Amino acid sequence: MLKGLKGIDPLVATVLLIAVTMTLAGIIAFWGSSFVRSNLPSENQAQTIQTCTGGSIKLISSNYNSNSKSLSITIYNDGSQKLLLTNITFIYSDKADSKEINAEISPAQVFVKSIENVEDNFNSFMISTNCPNIYIKYP
């Protein structure tokens, strides 16, 4: 054996082991709580998911009149939830233009709307609802 070398006191070793254990437990608890918070939907998101389940809309027709610069759309709610049609966004080659609709459409209801002041060179349009995953994109 080596003479003259001393180990650390058992009390100091115990305190060090407890300090290291508590530090690791704190790090794991912090990581776990932030992991759970970021991966679970918030209460508001859970309500939106529940409200939007069973929602569906279809574009029945769209007709653009270049003389009056208006787009007439007919939409059918073929789902089981009432939806709010929020806006229509026209996509051009160099920009996008959004116009408010703000109309409710109940299940099995047909909705007809004429949107005025629409430039005639749009490439496509998208109709958005209050549910982020329920929309119409044409074409």
C-alpha atoms as a PDB file:
ATOM      1  CA  MET A   1       0.000   0.000   0.000  1.00  0.00           C
ATOM      2  CA  LEU A   2       0.974   3.546  -0.524  1.00  0.00           C
ATOM      3  CA  LYS A   3       1.805   5.375   2.614  1.00  0.00           C
ATOM      4  CA  GLY A   4       1.085   9.023   3.224  1.00  0.00           C
ATOM      5  CA  LEU A   5      -1.851   9.266   0.818  1.00  0.00           C
ATOM      6  CA  LYS A   6      -5.187  10.066   2.304  1.00  0.00           C
ATOM      7  CA  GLY A   7      -8.636   9.604   0.747  1.00  0.00           C
ATOM      8  CA  ILE A   8     -11.399  12.116   1.096  1.00  0.00           C
ATOM      9  CA  ASP A   9     -13.408  12.151   4.249  1.00  0.00           C
ATOM     10  CA  PRO A  10     -16.552   9.948   4.069  1.00  0.00           C
ATOM     11  CA  LEU A  11     -18.734  12.895   5.043  1.00  0.00           C
ATOM     12  CA  VAL A  12     -17.376  15.013   2.164  1.00  0.00           C
ATOM     13  CA  ALA A  13     -17.837  12.101  -0.241  1.00  0.00           C
ATOM     14  CA  THR A  14     -21.457  11.703   0.844  1.00  0.00           C
ATOM     15  CA  VAL A  15     -22.168  15.437   0.396  1.00  0.00           C
ATOM     16  CA  LEU A  16     -20.551  15.385  -3.073  1.00  0.00           C
ATOM     17  CA  LEU A  17     -22.610  12.344  -4.146  1.00  0.00           C
ATOM     18  CA  ILE A  18     -25.834  14.001  -2.974  1.00  0.00           C
ATOM     19  CA  ALA A  19     -24.931  17.280  -4.746  1.00  0.00           C
ATOM     20  CA  VAL A  20     -24.174  15.493  -8.046  1.00  0.00           C
ATOM     21  CA  THR A  21     -27.378  13.429  -7.785  1.00  0.00           C
ATOM     22  CA  MET A  22     -29.533  16.501  -7.087  1.00  0.00           C
ATOM     23  CA  THR A  23     -27.934  18.422  -9.970  1.00  0.00           C
ATOM     24  CA  LEU A  24     -28.618  15.584 -12.417  1.00  0.00           C
ATOM     25  CA  ALA A  25     -32.207  15.236 -11.127  1.00  0.00           C
ATOM     26  CA  GLY A  26     -32.777  18.982 -11.658  1.00  0.00           C
ATOM     27  CA  ILE A  27     -31.428  18.864 -15.216  1.00  0.00           C
ATOM     28  CA  ILE A  28     -33.595  15.856 -16.106  1.00  0.00           C
ATOM     29  CA  ALA A  29     -36.698  17.441 -14.498  1.00  0.00           C
ATOM     30  CA  PHE A  30     -36.157  20.709 -16.416  1.00  0.00           C
ATOM     31  CA  TRP A  31     -35.689  18.858 -19.708  1.00  0.00           C
ATOM     32  CA  GLY A  32     -38.710  16.635 -19.067  1.00  0.00           C
ATOM     33  CA  SER A  33     -41.044  19.516 -18.206  1.00  0.00           C
ATOM     34  CA  SER A  34     -40.040  21.554 -21.278  1.00  0.00           C
ATOM     35  CA  PHE A  35     -40.377  18.428 -23.454  1.00  0.00           C
ATOM     36  CA  VAL A  36     -43.923  17.790 -22.193  1.00  0.00           C
ATOM     37  CA  ARG A  37     -44.936  21.471 -22.557  1.00  0.00           C
ATOM     38  CA  SER A  38     -43.706  21.703 -26.151  1.00  0.00           C
ATOM     39  CA  ASN A  39     -45.210  18.398 -27.333  1.00  0.00           C
ATOM     40  CA  LEU A  40     -48.666  18.509 -25.729  1.00  0.00           C
ATOM     41  CA  PRO A  41     -51.310  20.735 -27.332  1.00  0.00           C
ATOM     42  CA  SER A  42     -52.410  23.737 -25.315  1.00  0.00           C
ATOM     43  CA  GLU A  43     -55.990  24.005 -24.064  1.00  0.00           C
ATOM     44  CA  ASN A  44     -56.822  26.383 -26.923  1.00  0.00           C
ATOM     45  CA  GLN A  45     -55.285  24.039 -29.512  1.00  0.00           C
ATOM     46  CA  ALA A  46     -57.177  21.086 -28.051  1.00  0.00           C
ATOM     47  CA  GLN A  47     -60.469  23.012 -28.340  1.00  0.00           C
ATOM     48  CA  THR A  48     -59.670  23.897 -31.974  1.00  0.00           C
ATOM     49  CA  ILE A  49     -58.891  20.268 -32.779  1.00  0.00           C
ATOM     50  CA  GLN A  50     -62.143  19.153 -31.145  1.00  0.00           C
ATOM     51  CA  THR A  51     -64.171  21.888 -32.900  1.00  0.00           C
ATOM     52  CA  CYS A  52     -62.654  21.079 -36.297  1.00  0.00           C
ATOM     53  CA  THR A  53     -63.047  17.302 -36.157  1.00  0.00           C
ATOM     54  CA  GLY A  54     -65.528  16.285 -38.842  1.00  0.00           C
ATOM     55  CA  GLY A  55     -65.285  19.608 -40.690  1.00  0.00           C
ATOM     56  CA  SER A  56     -65.092  19.637 -44.483  1.00  0.00           C
ATOM     57  CA  ILE A  57     -65.953  22.041 -47.298  1.00  0.00           C
ATOM     58  CA  LYS A  58     -66.014  21.709 -51.081  1.00  0.00           C
ATOM     59  CA  LEU A  59     -65.889  24.268 -53.845  1.00  0.00           C
ATOM     60  CA  ILE A  60     -68.928  23.634 -56.049  1.00  0.00           C
ATOM     61  CA  SER A  61     -68.252  26.378 -58.595  1.00  0.00           C
ATOM     62  CA  SER A  62     -66.247  29.515 -59.237  1.00  0.00           C
ATOM     63  CA  ASN A  63     -66.846  32.020 -62.011  1.00  0.00           C
ATOM     64  CA  TYR A  64     -64.704  35.065 -62.738  1.00  0.00           C
ATOM     65  CA  ASN A  65     -66.307  38.004 -64.543  1.00  0.00           C
ATOM     66  CA  SER A  66     -63.579  40.135 -66.130  1.00  0.00           C
ATOM     67  CA  ASN A  67     -65.992  43.005 -66.931  1.00  0.00           C
ATOM     68  CA  SER A  68     -67.039  43.554 -63.307  1.00  0.00           C
ATOM     69  CA  LYS A  69     -63.752  42.176 -61.881  1.00  0.00           C
ATOM     70  CA  SER A  70     -65.674  39.889 -59.526  1.00  0.00           C
ATOM     71  CA  LEU A  71     -65.359  36.245 -58.585  1.00  0.00           C
ATOM     72  CA  SER A  72     -68.501  34.322 -57.722  1.00  0.00           C
ATOM     73  CA  ILE A  73     -67.949  31.216 -55.573  1.00  0.00           C
ATOM     74  CA  THR A  74     -70.296  28.479 -54.373  1.00  0.00           C
ATOM     75  CA  ILE A  75     -69.152  26.405 -51.389  1.00  0.00           C
ATOM     76  CA  TYR A  76     -70.811  23.374 -49.789  1.00  0.00           C
ATOM     77  CA  ASN A  77     -70.202  22.245 -46.199  1.00  0.00           C
ATOM     78  CA  ASP A  78     -70.146  18.460 -46.516  1.00  0.00           C
ATOM     79  CA  GLY A  79     -68.838  17.940 -42.984  1.00  0.00           C
ATOM     80  CA  SER A  80     -70.563  17.655 -39.629  1.00  0.00           C
ATOM     81  CA  GLN A  81     -69.283  20.895 -38.049  1.00  0.00           C
ATOM     82  CA  LYS A  82     -70.230  24.543 -38.478  1.00  0.00           C
ATOM     83  CA  LEU A  83     -67.271  26.415 -39.955  1.00  0.00           C
ATOM     84  CA  LEU A  84     -66.318  30.066 -40.301  1.00  0.00           C
ATOM     85  CA  LEU A  85     -65.063  31.069 -43.746  1.00  0.00           C
ATOM     86  CA  THR A  86     -62.497  33.696 -42.782  1.00  0.00           C
ATOM     87  CA  ASN A  87     -60.890  34.981 -45.980  1.00  0.00           C
ATOM     88  CA  ILE A  88     -59.935  34.338 -49.582  1.00  0.00           C
ATOM     89  CA  THR A  89     -56.374  34.864 -50.740  1.00  0.00           C
ATOM     90  CA  PHE A  90     -55.608  35.440 -54.411  1.00  0.00           C
ATOM     91  CA  ILE A  91     -52.161  34.287 -55.548  1.00  0.00           C
ATOM     92  CA  TYR A  92     -50.543  36.276 -58.339  1.00  0.00           C
ATOM     93  CA  SER A  93     -47.160  35.702 -59.938  1.00  0.00           C
ATOM     94  CA  ASP A  94     -45.645  38.575 -57.934  1.00  0.00           C
ATOM     95  CA  LYS A  95     -47.930  39.042 -54.905  1.00  0.00           C
ATOM     96  CA  ALA A  96     -50.842  37.773 -52.837  1.00  0.00           C
ATOM     97  CA  ASP A  97     -54.029  39.685 -52.027  1.00  0.00           C
ATOM     98  CA  SER A  98     -56.372  38.680 -49.207  1.00  0.00           C
ATOM     99  CA  LYS A  99     -60.019  39.674 -48.812  1.00  0.00           C
ATOM    100  CA  GLU A 100     -62.242  38.982 -45.792  1.00  0.00           C
ATOM    101  CA  ILE A 101     -65.284  36.713 -46.046  1.00  0.00           C
ATOM    102  CA  ASN A 102     -66.267  36.196 -42.364  1.00  0.00           C
ATOM    103  CA  ALA A 103     -69.324  34.018 -42.928  1.00  0.00           C
ATOM    104  CA  GLU A 104     -70.517  30.914 -41.092  1.00  0.00           C
ATOM    105  CA  ILE A 105     -71.503  27.841 -43.035  1.00  0.00           C
ATOM    106  CA  SER A 106     -73.462  25.085 -41.295  1.00  0.00           C
ATOM    107  CA  PRO A 107     -73.351  21.385 -42.196  1.00  0.00           C
ATOM    108  CA  ALA A 108     -75.158  20.593 -45.481  1.00  0.00           C
ATOM    109  CA  GLN A 109     -75.422  24.325 -46.253  1.00  0.00           C
ATOM    110  CA  VAL A 110     -74.556  25.935 -49.583  1.00  0.00           C
ATOM    111  CA  PHE A 111     -72.828  29.324 -49.424  1.00  0.00           C
ATOM    112  CA  VAL A 112     -72.713  31.717 -52.401  1.00  0.00           C
ATOM    113  CA  LYS A 113     -70.506  34.812 -52.368  1.00  0.00           C
ATOM    114  CA  SER A 114     -69.381  37.381 -54.895  1.00  0.00           C
ATOM    115  CA  ILE A 115     -65.968  38.913 -54.242  1.00  0.00           C
ATOM    116  CA  GLU A 116     -65.519  42.330 -55.834  1.00  0.00           C
ATOM    117  CA  ASN A 117     -62.395  44.178 -57.065  1.00  0.00           C
ATOM    118  CA  VAL A 118     -60.420  41.104 -58.063  1.00  0.00           C
ATOM    119  CA  GLU A 119     -57.630  41.617 -60.573  1.00  0.00           C
ATOM    120  CA  ASP A 120     -57.976  39.244 -63.512  1.00  0.00           C
ATOM    121  CA  ASN A 121     -54.460  37.788 -63.618  1.00  0.00           C
ATOM    122  CA  PHE A 122     -54.548  35.650 -60.453  1.00  0.00           C
ATOM    123  CA  ASN A 123     -53.019  32.174 -60.733  1.00  0.00           C
ATOM    124  CA  SER A 124     -54.997  30.547 -57.929  1.00  0.00           C
ATOM    125  CA  PHE A 125     -56.953  31.305 -54.799  1.00  0.00           C
ATOM    126  CA  MET A 126     -57.282  29.807 -51.340  1.00  0.00           C
ATOM    127  CA  ILE A 127     -60.330  30.010 -49.065  1.00  0.00           C
ATOM    128  CA  SER A 128     -59.435  29.724 -45.367  1.00  0.00           C
ATOM    129  CA  THR A 129     -61.590  28.729 -42.408  1.00  0.00           C
ATOM    130  CA  ASN A 130     -61.289  29.000 -38.642  1.00  0.00           C
ATOM    131  CA  CYS A 131     -59.793  25.481 -38.730  1.00  0.00           C
ATOM    132  CA  PRO A 132     -56.159  25.556 -39.905  1.00  0.00           C
ATOM    133  CA  ASN A 133     -56.389  22.181 -41.659  1.00  0.00           C
ATOM    134  CA  ILE A 134     -59.666  22.881 -43.502  1.00  0.00           C
ATOM    135  CA  TYR A 135     -59.341  25.089 -46.567  1.00  0.00           C
ATOM    136  CA  ILE A 136     -59.949  25.123 -50.307  1.00  0.00           C
ATOM    137  CA  LYS A 137     -57.161  25.749 -52.788  1.00  0.00           C
ATOM    138  CA  TYR A 138     -58.106  26.259 -56.426  1.00  0.00           C
ATOM    139  CA  PRO A 139     -56.725  25.069 -58.801  1.00  0.00           C
END
